[in-house]
């Protein structure tokens, strides 16, 4: 199971995604080396059919009282380094090249 995160930094990341979470490890994509590099461990827990992942905002460089991010889930892609494979094999949410969009603004 992979969770891809885009913190909306232009022209950075793998297919637009800056981070991914795999096996409890937060990884950041390095466009120079074209590799995912471990950044931190993230807390994960399950209860029934619910998965909770805690990612501190400072770990993914989100500051202030407002931010937006996009995310995508991928489960069992046959080739996780190929966006077409991620989108067409295994299961993704949302489907294909779509992403979920999240906005936060504290009071």
Protein backbone atom coordinates (compact mmCIF):
# COMPACT_ATOMS: atom_id res chain seq x y z
CA UNK A 1 0.00 0.00 0.00
CA UNK A 2 1.41 3.36 -1.06
CA UNK A 3 0.17 6.83 -0.16
CA UNK A 4 1.43 9.59 -2.45
CA UNK A 5 1.40 13.22 -1.26
CA UNK A 6 1.73 16.39 -3.30
CA UNK A 7 2.28 19.48 -1.19
CA UNK A 8 1.77 21.64 -4.28
CA UNK A 9 5.36 22.61 -4.95
CA UNK A 10 5.53 23.36 -8.68
CA UNK A 11 7.64 21.17 -10.95
CA UNK A 12 9.01 19.02 -8.14
CA UNK A 13 8.52 15.37 -7.36
CA UNK A 14 7.67 12.13 -9.07
CA UNK A 15 4.76 12.66 -11.46
CA UNK A 16 3.87 15.67 -9.31
CA UNK A 17 4.07 13.85 -5.97
CA UNK A 18 6.64 15.09 -3.47
CA UNK A 19 6.30 12.33 -0.86
CA UNK A 20 5.13 8.78 -0.52
CA UNK A 21 4.49 6.58 2.47
CA UNK A 22 5.39 2.94 2.17
CA UNK A 23 5.63 0.47 5.03
CA UNK A 24 5.58 3.19 7.69
CA UNK A 25 8.37 5.17 6.04
CA UNK A 26 7.91 8.69 4.74
CA UNK A 27 9.99 9.16 1.61
CA UNK A 28 10.73 12.28 -0.44
CA UNK A 29 11.42 12.18 -4.15
CA UNK A 30 14.74 13.65 -5.28
CA UNK A 31 14.43 14.87 -8.87
CA UNK A 32 18.22 15.00 -9.27
CA UNK A 33 18.86 11.35 -8.39
CA UNK A 34 15.35 10.28 -9.48
CA UNK A 35 15.08 8.20 -6.30
CA UNK A 36 12.84 8.08 -3.25
CA UNK A 37 14.79 8.79 -0.04
CA UNK A 38 13.62 7.99 3.50
CA UNK A 39 12.80 11.09 5.54
CA UNK A 40 11.18 9.72 8.70
CA UNK A 41 9.16 6.93 10.24
CA UNK A 42 5.45 7.72 10.56
CA UNK A 43 3.05 6.38 13.11
CA UNK A 44 0.54 3.91 11.66
CA UNK A 45 -2.29 2.03 13.32
CA UNK A 46 -5.23 -0.08 12.24
CA UNK A 47 -8.58 -0.71 13.84
CA UNK A 48 -10.95 -2.97 11.98
CA UNK A 49 -10.83 -1.85 8.37
CA UNK A 50 -9.48 1.63 9.20
CA UNK A 51 -5.88 2.72 8.72
CA UNK A 52 -4.57 5.83 10.46
CA UNK A 53 -1.29 7.45 9.48
CA UNK A 54 0.11 10.42 11.40
CA UNK A 55 2.40 12.72 9.45
CA UNK A 56 3.62 15.81 11.31
CA UNK A 57 3.16 18.88 9.10
CA UNK A 58 6.70 20.07 9.74
CA UNK A 59 8.02 16.76 8.35
CA UNK A 60 6.53 17.55 4.95
CA UNK A 61 7.27 21.28 5.17
CA UNK A 62 3.72 22.55 5.69
CA UNK A 63 3.71 25.69 7.83
CA UNK A 64 1.23 28.27 8.94
CA UNK A 65 -2.49 28.17 9.56
CA UNK A 66 -3.51 27.17 6.04
CA UNK A 67 -2.31 24.62 3.50
CA UNK A 68 -3.49 22.39 0.69
CA UNK A 69 -2.27 19.02 -0.47
CA UNK A 70 -3.26 16.35 -2.94
CA UNK A 71 -3.04 12.63 -2.27
CA UNK A 72 -3.53 9.27 -3.93
CA UNK A 73 -3.61 5.69 -2.66
CA UNK A 74 -2.13 2.80 -4.63
CA UNK A 75 -2.33 -0.84 -3.60
CA UNK A 76 -0.26 -3.59 -5.22
CA UNK A 77 0.91 -1.90 -8.42
CA UNK A 78 3.04 -4.31 -10.44
CA UNK A 79 5.67 -1.62 -11.12
CA UNK A 80 5.56 1.19 -8.52
CA UNK A 81 8.15 3.29 -10.38
CA UNK A 82 5.89 3.62 -13.44
CA UNK A 83 2.89 5.95 -13.11
CA UNK A 84 0.94 4.03 -15.77
CA UNK A 85 1.42 0.79 -13.83
CA UNK A 86 0.44 2.51 -10.58
CA UNK A 87 -2.70 3.80 -12.27
CA UNK A 88 -3.75 0.62 -14.10
CA UNK A 89 -2.57 -2.36 -12.03
CA UNK A 90 -3.53 -3.19 -8.49
CA UNK A 91 -6.02 -0.67 -7.12
CA UNK A 92 -5.92 3.11 -6.79
CA UNK A 93 -8.09 5.68 -5.11
CA UNK A 94 -9.10 7.78 -6.80
CA UNK A 95 -8.86 5.98 -10.13
CA UNK A 96 -6.27 6.57 -12.82
CA UNK A 97 -4.53 9.98 -12.77
CA UNK A 98 -7.07 11.65 -10.47
CA UNK A 99 -6.14 12.84 -6.96
CA UNK A 100 -7.95 13.76 -3.79
CA UNK A 101 -7.57 17.41 -2.76
CA UNK A 102 -7.39 18.48 0.90
CA UNK A 103 -7.57 22.04 2.24
CA UNK A 104 -6.92 23.10 5.82
CA UNK A 105 -7.34 26.44 7.52
CA UNK A 106 -7.26 26.78 11.27
CA UNK A 107 -9.12 29.54 13.06
